[in-house]
Amino acid sequence: MLDIEMKMLLAGIAASGAPSLDALPPVVGRQAFHQIVAAGNLPPADVQAEDRWITGAETPIQIRIYTPKSPVRETRGIVLYCHGGGFVMGDLNDYDSVCRTLSHDGDCLVVSVDYRLAPEHPFPAAVEDCHAALRWVGNNATALGADPQRIAVCGDSAGGNLAAVVAILARESGPQLSCQILIYPVTSATPGDLPSHTEFAEGYVLTLDGMRNFTNHYFGPSCTAPDFRGAPLLATDLTGLPPALVLVGGYDLLRDDGVAYADRLTEAGVPVTLVEYRGLSHGFVSMAGTTRGGRLALDQVSSALRLWLSPTAAREA
């Protein structure tokens, strides 16, 4: 059964008459996305935030570093956060509330990466930027006051895709990761590949037409990922990857993407915790300020970071 708060939220969106994000040009859609995300924000957690520019594969990349203000006896862990938005929308400000909460409640440093967006910068620009940011985190963790042996990746939706991809890339290039947290990640190669794509094609935040529109901007007219860097399910070898927490929504078009990838990780011997928030639809972590289910999910992510990035966990690894 659809969560009552989510049902009311979806009804409000439908009654507003606002055009779907997939019907808007990217520049206009980004402005609408800002407003939608802002409506679901939590009050900003009191952490230190600092913007920096780092070297990317082709252009400088902006990042935002969040550090808890509370005293600490030992160095903290650090997580790279890749935001959602279909590879077309989203920025540091859109996910400021989420990252502040994770840093404060997870007692860790969070580095949010403002990767290049499509269609101006199609695949694999986003992957290159997130991978460069992860390498930067590995090389600069100590200077930031974090433990380079306690690094995680996390992301939602398109950002969940990017977090999963850079976790695969890091297996060969480093840094070694303590965990990966994938929130309703897109992992399949083509819209329509999985049953949930058609089961929840309309009426649940992300639509099948929207998914096709986003992948058209990112991959081109084929709307199909060419390799695992666009669709982690295309990876032939998932062994040796860090433990994973995968969150999915029961009414989300991407539900089966997360489930299928969790299954593949399990088959490869990777420890996986798969959690389905049965009554929630796509984007629930960004709705933590308006739905109790979204807040519960964000709390779970914070708790996982606190556990996996703890000094005790690092010593036992």
C-alpha atoms as a PDB file:
ATOM      1  CA  MET A   1       0.000   0.000   0.000  1.00  0.00           C
ATOM      2  CA  LEU A   2       1.264   3.465  -0.907  1.00  0.00           C
ATOM      3  CA  ASP A   3       2.379   5.451   2.140  1.00  0.00           C
ATOM      4  CA  ILE A   4      -0.343   7.960   3.087  1.00  0.00           C
ATOM      5  CA  GLU A   5       2.042  10.926   3.188  1.00  0.00           C
ATOM      6  CA  MET A   6       3.499   9.933  -0.169  1.00  0.00           C
ATOM      7  CA  LYS A   7      -0.004   9.490  -1.577  1.00  0.00           C
ATOM      8  CA  MET A   8      -0.968  13.000  -0.478  1.00  0.00           C
ATOM      9  CA  LEU A   9       2.251  14.410  -1.914  1.00  0.00           C
ATOM     10  CA  LEU A  10       1.702  12.744  -5.287  1.00  0.00           C
ATOM     11  CA  ALA A  11      -1.915  13.906  -5.326  1.00  0.00           C
ATOM     12  CA  GLY A  12      -0.767  17.452  -4.680  1.00  0.00           C
ATOM     13  CA  ILE A  13       1.705  17.286  -7.548  1.00  0.00           C
ATOM     14  CA  ALA A  14      -0.973  15.945  -9.894  1.00  0.00           C
ATOM     15  CA  ALA A  15      -3.493  18.608  -8.814  1.00  0.00           C
ATOM     16  CA  SER A  16      -0.997  21.433  -9.289  1.00  0.00           C
ATOM     17  CA  GLY A  17      -1.075  21.033 -13.052  1.00  0.00           C
ATOM     18  CA  ALA A  18       2.677  21.606 -13.203  1.00  0.00           C
ATOM     19  CA  PRO A  19       4.331  20.068 -16.262  1.00  0.00           C
ATOM     20  CA  SER A  20       6.393  16.928 -15.760  1.00  0.00           C
ATOM     21  CA  LEU A  21      10.135  17.493 -15.551  1.00  0.00           C
ATOM     22  CA  ASP A  22      10.633  15.266 -18.596  1.00  0.00           C
ATOM     23  CA  ALA A  23       8.463  17.649 -20.647  1.00  0.00           C
ATOM     24  CA  LEU A  24      10.706  20.642 -19.915  1.00  0.00           C
ATOM     25  CA  PRO A  25      13.956  21.706 -21.622  1.00  0.00           C
ATOM     26  CA  PRO A  26      16.944  20.924 -19.364  1.00  0.00           C
ATOM     27  CA  VAL A  27      17.580  24.533 -18.345  1.00  0.00           C
ATOM     28  CA  VAL A  28      13.933  25.040 -17.341  1.00  0.00           C
ATOM     29  CA  GLY A  29      13.733  21.591 -15.763  1.00  0.00           C
ATOM     30  CA  ARG A  30      16.693  22.374 -13.538  1.00  0.00           C
ATOM     31  CA  GLN A  31      14.923  25.402 -12.108  1.00  0.00           C
ATOM     32  CA  ALA A  32      11.809  23.323 -11.432  1.00  0.00           C
ATOM     33  CA  PHE A  33      13.961  20.609  -9.850  1.00  0.00           C
ATOM     34  CA  HIS A  34      15.456  23.205  -7.467  1.00  0.00           C
ATOM     35  CA  GLN A  35      11.968  24.130  -6.259  1.00  0.00           C
ATOM     36  CA  ILE A  36      10.763  20.536  -5.913  1.00  0.00           C
ATOM     37  CA  VAL A  37      13.790  19.442  -3.897  1.00  0.00           C
ATOM     38  CA  ALA A  38      13.721  22.545  -1.687  1.00  0.00           C
ATOM     39  CA  ALA A  39      10.158  21.720  -0.645  1.00  0.00           C
ATOM     40  CA  GLY A  40      11.304  18.430   0.895  1.00  0.00           C
ATOM     41  CA  ASN A  41      14.407  19.685   2.696  1.00  0.00           C
ATOM     42  CA  LEU A  42      15.053  19.198   6.384  1.00  0.00           C
ATOM     43  CA  PRO A  43      16.199  22.165   8.490  1.00  0.00           C
ATOM     44  CA  PRO A  44      19.941  22.526   7.812  1.00  0.00           C
ATOM     45  CA  ALA A  45      22.084  20.560  10.245  1.00  0.00           C
ATOM     46  CA  ASP A  46      24.767  22.628  11.954  1.00  0.00           C
ATOM     47  CA  VAL A  47      27.953  21.451  10.256  1.00  0.00           C
ATOM     48  CA  GLN A  48      30.845  23.292   8.671  1.00  0.00           C
ATOM     49  CA  ALA A  49      30.590  23.578   4.871  1.00  0.00           C
ATOM     50  CA  GLU A  50      33.372  24.637   2.524  1.00  0.00           C
ATOM     51  CA  ASP A  51      33.326  24.924  -1.278  1.00  0.00           C
ATOM     52  CA  ARG A  52      36.443  24.081  -3.254  1.00  0.00           C
ATOM     53  CA  TRP A  53      37.513  23.456  -6.831  1.00  0.00           C
ATOM     54  CA  ILE A  54      39.572  20.400  -7.709  1.00  0.00           C
ATOM     55  CA  THR A  55      41.223  19.188 -10.895  1.00  0.00           C
ATOM     56  CA  GLY A  56      39.036  17.095 -13.175  1.00  0.00           C
ATOM     57  CA  ALA A  57      39.699  15.059 -16.297  1.00  0.00           C
ATOM     58  CA  GLU A  58      38.773  17.970 -18.589  1.00  0.00           C
ATOM     59  CA  THR A  59      37.607  20.885 -16.435  1.00  0.00           C
ATOM     60  CA  PRO A  60      37.807  21.899 -12.765  1.00  0.00           C
ATOM     61  CA  ILE A  61      35.149  20.300 -10.545  1.00  0.00           C
ATOM     62  CA  GLN A  62      33.385  22.061  -7.708  1.00  0.00           C
ATOM     63  CA  ILE A  63      32.947  20.125  -4.478  1.00  0.00           C
ATOM     64  CA  ARG A  64      31.455  20.967  -1.088  1.00  0.00           C
ATOM     65  CA  ILE A  65      33.043  19.504   2.041  1.00  0.00           C
ATOM     66  CA  TYR A  66      30.893  19.001   5.144  1.00  0.00           C
ATOM     67  CA  THR A  67      32.537  18.486   8.536  1.00  0.00           C
ATOM     68  CA  PRO A  68      30.746  17.898  11.874  1.00  0.00           C
ATOM     69  CA  LYS A  69      31.356  20.595  14.468  1.00  0.00           C
ATOM     70  CA  SER A  70      31.149  18.203  17.402  1.00  0.00           C
ATOM     71  CA  PRO A  71      34.405  17.265  19.168  1.00  0.00           C
ATOM     72  CA  VAL A  72      36.064  14.027  18.069  1.00  0.00           C
ATOM     73  CA  ARG A  73      38.693  11.883  19.746  1.00  0.00           C
ATOM     74  CA  GLU A  74      39.714   9.990  16.629  1.00  0.00           C
ATOM     75  CA  THR A  75      39.755  10.942  12.980  1.00  0.00           C
ATOM     76  CA  ARG A  76      36.457  10.485  11.182  1.00  0.00           C
ATOM     77  CA  GLY A  77      35.579   8.576   8.049  1.00  0.00           C
ATOM     78  CA  ILE A  78      34.713  10.356   4.810  1.00  0.00           C
ATOM     79  CA  VAL A  79      32.086   9.737   2.120  1.00  0.00           C
ATOM     80  CA  LEU A  80      31.796  10.938  -1.470  1.00  0.00           C
ATOM     81  CA  TYR A  81      28.178  11.854  -2.261  1.00  0.00           C
ATOM     82  CA  CYS A  82      26.919  11.766  -5.876  1.00  0.00           C
ATOM     83  CA  HIS A  83      23.595  13.564  -6.260  1.00  0.00           C
ATOM     84  CA  GLY A  84      20.553  12.499  -8.266  1.00  0.00           C
ATOM     85  CA  GLY A  85      18.739  14.250 -11.091  1.00  0.00           C
ATOM     86  CA  GLY A  86      18.802  11.927 -14.080  1.00  0.00           C
ATOM     87  CA  PHE A  87      22.341  13.008 -15.095  1.00  0.00           C
ATOM     88  CA  VAL A  88      20.650  16.225 -16.290  1.00  0.00           C
ATOM     89  CA  MET A  89      19.588  18.061 -13.106  1.00  0.00           C
ATOM     90  CA  GLY A  90      20.801  18.623  -9.564  1.00  0.00           C
ATOM     91  CA  ASP A  91      23.658  20.538  -7.979  1.00  0.00           C
ATOM     92  CA  LEU A  92      25.414  21.117  -4.660  1.00  0.00           C
ATOM     93  CA  ASN A  93      22.627  23.327  -3.318  1.00  0.00           C
ATOM     94  CA  ASP A  94      19.882  20.850  -4.173  1.00  0.00           C
ATOM     95  CA  TYR A  95      21.540  18.213  -1.987  1.00  0.00           C
ATOM     96  CA  ASP A  96      22.893  20.518   0.707  1.00  0.00           C
ATOM     97  CA  SER A  97      20.221  19.423   3.195  1.00  0.00           C
ATOM     98  CA  VAL A  98      20.848  15.707   2.568  1.00  0.00           C
ATOM     99  CA  CYS A  99      24.630  16.043   2.857  1.00  0.00           C
ATOM    100  CA  ARG A 100      24.450  18.211   5.982  1.00  0.00           C
ATOM    101  CA  THR A 101      22.217  15.621   7.626  1.00  0.00           C
ATOM    102  CA  LEU A 102      24.486  12.728   6.670  1.00  0.00           C
ATOM    103  CA  SER A 103      27.566  14.533   7.963  1.00  0.00           C
ATOM    104  CA  HIS A 104      25.913  15.500  11.259  1.00  0.00           C
ATOM    105  CA  ASP A 105      24.003  12.303  11.964  1.00  0.00           C
ATOM    106  CA  GLY A 106      26.596   9.979  10.421  1.00  0.00           C
ATOM    107  CA  ASP A 107      29.448  11.734  12.262  1.00  0.00           C
ATOM    108  CA  CYS A 108      31.585  11.787   9.129  1.00  0.00           C
ATOM    109  CA  LEU A 109      32.967  14.137   6.517  1.00  0.00           C
ATOM    110  CA  VAL A 110      30.891  14.338   3.348  1.00  0.00           C
ATOM    111  CA  VAL A 111      32.248  15.505   0.003  1.00  0.00           C
ATOM    112  CA  SER A 112      29.470  16.391  -2.441  1.00  0.00           C
ATOM    113  CA  VAL A 113      30.567  16.513  -6.085  1.00  0.00           C
ATOM    114  CA  ASP A 114      29.053  18.897  -8.648  1.00  0.00           C
ATOM    115  CA  TYR A 115      29.702  16.706 -11.686  1.00  0.00           C
ATOM    116  CA  ARG A 116      29.060  17.894 -15.243  1.00  0.00           C
ATOM    117  CA  LEU A 117      25.503  17.442 -16.505  1.00  0.00           C
ATOM    118  CA  ALA A 118      24.030  16.265 -19.797  1.00  0.00           C
ATOM    119  CA  PRO A 119      23.134  17.185 -22.487  1.00  0.00           C
ATOM    120  CA  GLU A 120      25.916  19.778 -22.423  1.00  0.00           C
ATOM    121  CA  HIS A 121      28.287  17.101 -21.145  1.00  0.00           C
ATOM    122  CA  PRO A 122      27.063  13.610 -22.147  1.00  0.00           C
ATOM    123  CA  PHE A 123      28.338  10.213 -20.966  1.00  0.00           C
ATOM    124  CA  PRO A 124      30.936   9.557 -19.622  1.00  0.00           C
ATOM    125  CA  ALA A 125      31.547  13.089 -18.278  1.00  0.00           C
ATOM    126  CA  ALA A 126      29.651  12.476 -15.016  1.00  0.00           C
ATOM    127  CA  VAL A 127      31.567   9.244 -14.394  1.00  0.00           C
ATOM    128  CA  GLU A 128      34.914  10.929 -15.062  1.00  0.00           C
ATOM    129  CA  ASP A 129      34.131  13.745 -12.623  1.00  0.00           C
ATOM    130  CA  CYS A 130      32.907  11.460  -9.834  1.00  0.00           C
ATOM    131  CA  HIS A 131      35.892   9.157 -10.281  1.00  0.00           C
ATOM    132  CA  ALA A 132      38.272  12.129 -10.174  1.00  0.00           C
ATOM    133  CA  ALA A 133      36.535  13.373  -7.029  1.00  0.00           C
ATOM    134  CA  LEU A 134      36.880   9.963  -5.363  1.00  0.00           C
ATOM    135  CA  ARG A 135      40.595   9.840  -6.164  1.00  0.00           C
ATOM    136  CA  TRP A 136      40.917  13.357  -4.742  1.00  0.00           C
ATOM    137  CA  VAL A 137      39.191  12.227  -1.548  1.00  0.00           C
ATOM    138  CA  GLY A 138      41.612   9.316  -1.261  1.00  0.00           C
ATOM    139  CA  ASN A 139      44.637  11.556  -1.774  1.00  0.00           C
ATOM    140  CA  ASN A 140      43.441  14.346   0.521  1.00  0.00           C
ATOM    141  CA  ALA A 141      41.575  12.561   3.313  1.00  0.00           C
ATOM    142  CA  THR A 142      44.401  13.000   5.800  1.00  0.00           C
ATOM    143  CA  ALA A 143      44.742  16.715   5.055  1.00  0.00           C
ATOM    144  CA  LEU A 144      40.994  17.097   5.633  1.00  0.00           C
ATOM    145  CA  GLY A 145      41.278  15.415   9.036  1.00  0.00           C
ATOM    146  CA  ALA A 146      39.738  12.141   7.861  1.00  0.00           C
ATOM    147  CA  ASP A 147      41.033   8.581   7.866  1.00  0.00           C
ATOM    148  CA  PRO A 148      42.101   7.456   4.347  1.00  0.00           C
ATOM    149  CA  GLN A 149      41.315   3.874   5.373  1.00  0.00           C
ATOM    150  CA  ARG A 150      37.651   4.745   6.033  1.00  0.00           C
ATOM    151  CA  ILE A 151      36.171   5.995   2.755  1.00  0.00           C
ATOM    152  CA  ALA A 152      32.659   5.370   1.400  1.00  0.00           C
ATOM    153  CA  VAL A 153      30.636   6.266  -1.669  1.00  0.00           C
ATOM    154  CA  CYS A 154      26.962   7.125  -1.594  1.00  0.00           C
ATOM    155  CA  GLY A 155      24.413   8.409  -4.088  1.00  0.00           C
ATOM    156  CA  ASP A 156      20.746   8.441  -5.038  1.00  0.00           C
ATOM    157  CA  SER A 157      19.082   7.664  -8.387  1.00  0.00           C
ATOM    158  CA  ALA A 158      21.536   8.768 -11.117  1.00  0.00           C
ATOM    159  CA  GLY A 159      23.958   9.418  -8.263  1.00  0.00           C
ATOM    160  CA  GLY A 160      23.408   5.853  -7.058  1.00  0.00           C
ATOM    161  CA  ASN A 161      24.446   4.731 -10.527  1.00  0.00           C
ATOM    162  CA  LEU A 162      27.587   6.880 -10.316  1.00  0.00           C
ATOM    163  CA  ALA A 163      28.424   5.663  -6.801  1.00  0.00           C
ATOM    164  CA  ALA A 164      28.133   2.038  -7.943  1.00  0.00           C
ATOM    165  CA  VAL A 165      30.284   2.717 -11.014  1.00  0.00           C
ATOM    166  CA  VAL A 166      33.092   4.477  -9.153  1.00  0.00           C
ATOM    167  CA  ALA A 167      33.081   1.675  -6.571  1.00  0.00           C
ATOM    168  CA  ILE A 168      33.846  -0.717  -9.435  1.00  0.00           C
ATOM    169  CA  LEU A 169      36.537   1.600 -10.815  1.00  0.00           C
ATOM    170  CA  ALA A 170      38.085   2.042  -7.359  1.00  0.00           C
ATOM    171  CA  ARG A 171      38.610  -1.715  -7.094  1.00  0.00           C
ATOM    172  CA  GLU A 172      41.451  -1.307  -9.598  1.00  0.00           C
ATOM    173  CA  SER A 173      42.568   2.317  -9.156  1.00  0.00           C
ATOM    174  CA  GLY A 174      41.837   2.923  -5.469  1.00  0.00           C
ATOM    175  CA  PRO A 175      41.112   4.196  -2.956  1.00  0.00           C
ATOM    176  CA  GLN A 176      39.963   1.147  -1.037  1.00  0.00           C
ATOM    177  CA  LEU A 177      36.373   1.631   0.089  1.00  0.00           C
ATOM    178  CA  SER A 178      34.726   0.658   3.357  1.00  0.00           C
ATOM    179  CA  CYS A 179      31.230   0.564   1.888  1.00  0.00           C
ATOM    180  CA  GLN A 180      28.889   1.721  -0.874  1.00  0.00           C
ATOM    181  CA  ILE A 181      25.402   3.049  -0.199  1.00  0.00           C
ATOM    182  CA  LEU A 182      23.114   3.015  -3.222  1.00  0.00           C
ATOM    183  CA  ILE A 183      19.750   4.759  -2.883  1.00  0.00           C
ATOM    184  CA  TYR A 184      17.230   3.747  -5.588  1.00  0.00           C
ATOM    185  CA  PRO A 185      20.105   3.489  -8.102  1.00  0.00           C
ATOM    186  CA  VAL A 186      19.571   3.182 -11.835  1.00  0.00           C
ATOM    187  CA  THR A 187      21.604   0.135 -12.852  1.00  0.00           C
ATOM    188  CA  SER A 188      19.974  -1.171 -16.047  1.00  0.00           C
ATOM    189  CA  ALA A 189      21.117  -0.354 -19.574  1.00  0.00           C
ATOM    190  CA  THR A 190      17.861   0.755 -21.226  1.00  0.00           C
ATOM    191  CA  PRO A 191      14.549   2.216 -19.977  1.00  0.00           C
ATOM    192  CA  GLY A 192      11.936  -0.546 -20.076  1.00  0.00           C
ATOM    193  CA  ASP A 193      14.413  -3.349 -19.371  1.00  0.00           C
ATOM    194  CA  LEU A 194      12.872  -4.326 -16.029  1.00  0.00           C
ATOM    195  CA  PRO A 195       9.264  -4.992 -14.917  1.00  0.00           C
ATOM    196  CA  SER A 196       9.063  -2.062 -12.493  1.00  0.00           C
ATOM    197  CA  HIS A 197       9.840   0.319 -15.361  1.00  0.00           C
ATOM    198  CA  THR A 198       6.413  -0.359 -16.843  1.00  0.00           C
ATOM    199  CA  GLU A 199       4.579  -1.183 -13.605  1.00  0.00           C
ATOM    200  CA  PHE A 200       5.264   2.333 -12.296  1.00  0.00           C
ATOM    201  CA  ALA A 201       5.644   4.096 -15.640  1.00  0.00           C
ATOM    202  CA  GLU A 202       3.386   7.016 -14.661  1.00  0.00           C
ATOM    203  CA  GLY A 203       2.248   8.793 -11.524  1.00  0.00           C
ATOM    204  CA  TYR A 204       5.142   8.054  -9.151  1.00  0.00           C
ATOM    205  CA  VAL A 205       7.565  11.013  -9.496  1.00  0.00           C
ATOM    206  CA  LEU A 206       9.936   9.448 -12.043  1.00  0.00           C
ATOM    207  CA  THR A 207       8.152   8.308 -15.199  1.00  0.00           C
ATOM    208  CA  LEU A 208       9.245   5.970 -17.967  1.00  0.00           C
ATOM    209  CA  ASP A 209       9.084   8.868 -20.444  1.00  0.00           C
ATOM    210  CA  GLY A 210      11.235  10.867 -18.069  1.00  0.00           C
ATOM    211  CA  MET A 211      13.767   8.061 -17.817  1.00  0.00           C
ATOM    212  CA  ARG A 212      13.915   7.872 -21.610  1.00  0.00           C
ATOM    213  CA  ASN A 213      14.347  11.621 -21.835  1.00  0.00           C
ATOM    214  CA  PHE A 214      17.197  11.622 -19.334  1.00  0.00           C
ATOM    215  CA  THR A 215      19.007   8.702 -20.983  1.00  0.00           C
ATOM    216  CA  ASN A 216      18.572  10.343 -24.385  1.00  0.00           C
ATOM    217  CA  HIS A 217      20.387  13.409 -23.040  1.00  0.00           C
ATOM    218  CA  TYR A 218      23.064  11.297 -21.339  1.00  0.00           C
ATOM    219  CA  PHE A 219      23.682   8.422 -23.768  1.00  0.00           C
ATOM    220  CA  GLY A 220      22.273   9.791 -27.015  1.00  0.00           C
ATOM    221  CA  PRO A 221      19.316   8.707 -29.183  1.00  0.00           C
ATOM    222  CA  SER A 222      19.815   5.001 -28.423  1.00  0.00           C
ATOM    223  CA  CYS A 223      18.943   5.732 -24.748  1.00  0.00           C
ATOM    224  CA  THR A 224      21.185   2.753 -23.981  1.00  0.00           C
ATOM    225  CA  ALA A 225      24.310   2.548 -21.833  1.00  0.00           C
ATOM    226  CA  PRO A 226      27.299   1.315 -23.858  1.00  0.00           C
ATOM    227  CA  ASP A 227      29.076  -0.390 -20.945  1.00  0.00           C
ATOM    228  CA  PHE A 228      29.117  -0.819 -17.174  1.00  0.00           C
ATOM    229  CA  ARG A 229      30.109   2.816 -16.640  1.00  0.00           C
ATOM    230  CA  GLY A 230      26.564   3.691 -17.658  1.00  0.00           C
ATOM    231  CA  ALA A 231      24.813   0.581 -16.315  1.00  0.00           C
ATOM    232  CA  PRO A 232      26.466  -1.343 -13.453  1.00  0.00           C
ATOM    233  CA  LEU A 233      24.395  -4.436 -14.330  1.00  0.00           C
ATOM    234  CA  LEU A 234      26.543  -4.727 -17.478  1.00  0.00           C
ATOM    235  CA  ALA A 235      29.674  -5.334 -15.384  1.00  0.00           C
ATOM    236  CA  THR A 236      30.945  -8.882 -15.865  1.00  0.00           C
ATOM    237  CA  ASP A 237      32.837  -9.073 -12.566  1.00  0.00           C
ATOM    238  CA  LEU A 238      31.536  -7.650  -9.291  1.00  0.00           C
ATOM    239  CA  THR A 239      33.795  -9.611  -6.967  1.00  0.00           C
ATOM    240  CA  GLY A 240      35.941  -7.788  -4.452  1.00  0.00           C
ATOM    241  CA  LEU A 241      33.628  -4.799  -4.095  1.00  0.00           C
ATOM    242  CA  PRO A 242      32.897  -3.182  -0.709  1.00  0.00           C
ATOM    243  CA  PRO A 243      29.829  -4.095   1.368  1.00  0.00           C
ATOM    244  CA  ALA A 244      26.664  -2.452   0.103  1.00  0.00           C
ATOM    245  CA  LEU A 245      23.477  -0.994   1.508  1.00  0.00           C
ATOM    246  CA  VAL A 246      20.842  -0.738  -1.235  1.00  0.00           C
ATOM    247  CA  LEU A 247      17.594   1.132  -0.600  1.00  0.00           C
ATOM    248  CA  VAL A 248      14.617   0.883  -2.964  1.00  0.00           C
ATOM    249  CA  GLY A 249      11.018   2.116  -2.964  1.00  0.00           C
ATOM    250  CA  GLY A 250       8.130  -0.282  -3.431  1.00  0.00           C
ATOM    251  CA  TYR A 251       6.374   2.157  -5.802  1.00  0.00           C
ATOM    252  CA  ASP A 252       9.496   3.283  -7.651  1.00  0.00           C
ATOM    253  CA  LEU A 253      10.157   2.747 -11.342  1.00  0.00           C
ATOM    254  CA  LEU A 254      13.772   1.957 -10.338  1.00  0.00           C
ATOM    255  CA  ARG A 255      12.829  -0.623  -7.699  1.00  0.00           C
ATOM    256  CA  ASP A 256      13.951  -3.586  -9.787  1.00  0.00           C
ATOM    257  CA  ASP A 257      17.211  -1.842 -10.733  1.00  0.00           C
ATOM    258  CA  GLY A 258      18.261  -1.811  -7.096  1.00  0.00           C
ATOM    259  CA  VAL A 259      17.016  -5.337  -6.427  1.00  0.00           C
ATOM    260  CA  ALA A 260      18.733  -6.765  -9.520  1.00  0.00           C
ATOM    261  CA  TYR A 261      22.042  -5.125  -8.632  1.00  0.00           C
ATOM    262  CA  ALA A 262      21.826  -6.276  -5.012  1.00  0.00           C
ATOM    263  CA  ASP A 263      21.290  -9.810  -6.310  1.00  0.00           C
ATOM    264  CA  ARG A 264      24.302  -9.565  -8.611  1.00  0.00           C
ATOM    265  CA  LEU A 265      26.485  -8.279  -5.775  1.00  0.00           C
ATOM    266  CA  THR A 266      25.331 -11.118  -3.535  1.00  0.00           C
ATOM    267  CA  GLU A 267      26.098 -13.668  -6.250  1.00  0.00           C
ATOM    268  CA  ALA A 268      29.608 -12.181  -6.451  1.00  0.00           C
ATOM    269  CA  GLY A 269      30.137 -12.708  -2.711  1.00  0.00           C
ATOM    270  CA  VAL A 270      29.711  -9.056  -1.702  1.00  0.00           C
ATOM    271  CA  PRO A 271      27.922  -8.528   1.644  1.00  0.00           C
ATOM    272  CA  VAL A 272      24.646  -6.741   0.829  1.00  0.00           C
ATOM    273  CA  THR A 273      21.786  -5.306   2.859  1.00  0.00           C
ATOM    274  CA  LEU A 274      18.756  -4.670   0.652  1.00  0.00           C
ATOM    275  CA  VAL A 275      15.929  -2.626   2.181  1.00  0.00           C
ATOM    276  CA  GLU A 276      12.625  -1.965   0.419  1.00  0.00           C
ATOM    277  CA  TYR A 277      10.564   0.949   1.685  1.00  0.00           C
ATOM    278  CA  ARG A 278       7.367  -0.620   0.438  1.00  0.00           C
ATOM    279  CA  GLY A 279       5.100   2.414   0.582  1.00  0.00           C
ATOM    280  CA  LEU A 280       7.464   4.948  -0.970  1.00  0.00           C
ATOM    281  CA  SER A 281       8.070   6.094  -4.533  1.00  0.00           C
ATOM    282  CA  HIS A 282      11.103   7.603  -6.210  1.00  0.00           C
ATOM    283  CA  GLY A 283      13.045  10.411  -4.525  1.00  0.00           C
ATOM    284  CA  PHE A 284      12.053   9.660  -0.943  1.00  0.00           C
ATOM    285  CA  VAL A 285      15.406  10.607   0.599  1.00  0.00           C
ATOM    286  CA  SER A 286      14.983  14.112  -0.824  1.00  0.00           C
ATOM    287  CA  MET A 287      11.540  14.215   0.831  1.00  0.00           C
ATOM    288  CA  ALA A 288      12.851  13.664   4.358  1.00  0.00           C
ATOM    289  CA  GLY A 289      11.449  17.019   5.428  1.00  0.00           C
ATOM    290  CA  THR A 290       7.888  16.176   4.348  1.00  0.00           C
ATOM    291  CA  THR A 291       7.527  12.399   4.746  1.00  0.00           C
ATOM    292  CA  ARG A 292       8.345  10.290   7.787  1.00  0.00           C
ATOM    293  CA  GLY A 293       9.340   7.415   5.517  1.00  0.00           C
ATOM    294  CA  GLY A 294      11.918   9.593   3.787  1.00  0.00           C
ATOM    295  CA  ARG A 295      13.287  10.715   7.134  1.00  0.00           C
ATOM    296  CA  LEU A 296      13.522   7.096   8.308  1.00  0.00           C
ATOM    297  CA  ALA A 297      15.484   6.187   5.181  1.00  0.00           C
ATOM    298  CA  LEU A 298      17.894   9.086   5.649  1.00  0.00           C
ATOM    299  CA  ASP A 299      18.358   8.021   9.274  1.00  0.00           C
ATOM    300  CA  GLN A 300      19.214   4.522   8.079  1.00  0.00           C
ATOM    301  CA  VAL A 301      21.857   5.852   5.693  1.00  0.00           C
ATOM    302  CA  SER A 302      23.355   7.973   8.483  1.00  0.00           C
ATOM    303  CA  SER A 303      23.427   4.979  10.817  1.00  0.00           C
ATOM    304  CA  ALA A 304      25.123   2.838   8.170  1.00  0.00           C
ATOM    305  CA  LEU A 305      27.819   5.474   7.648  1.00  0.00           C
ATOM    306  CA  ARG A 306      28.350   5.806  11.386  1.00  0.00           C
ATOM    307  CA  LEU A 307      28.754   2.023  11.643  1.00  0.00           C
ATOM    308  CA  TRP A 308      30.869   1.268   8.562  1.00  0.00           C
ATOM    309  CA  LEU A 309      33.131   4.315   8.946  1.00  0.00           C
ATOM    310  CA  SER A 310      33.732   3.859  12.664  1.00  0.00           C
ATOM    311  CA  PRO A 311      37.304   3.313  13.912  1.00  0.00           C
ATOM    312  CA  THR A 312      36.240  -0.098  15.233  1.00  0.00           C
ATOM    313  CA  ALA A 313      34.982  -1.196  11.827  1.00  0.00           C
ATOM    314  CA  ALA A 314      38.245  -0.071  10.227  1.00  0.00           C
ATOM    315  CA  ARG A 315      40.329  -2.061  12.720  1.00  0.00           C
ATOM    316  CA  GLU A 316      38.214  -5.179  12.154  1.00  0.00           C
ATOM    317  CA  ALA A 317      38.351  -4.976   8.341  1.00  0.00           C
END
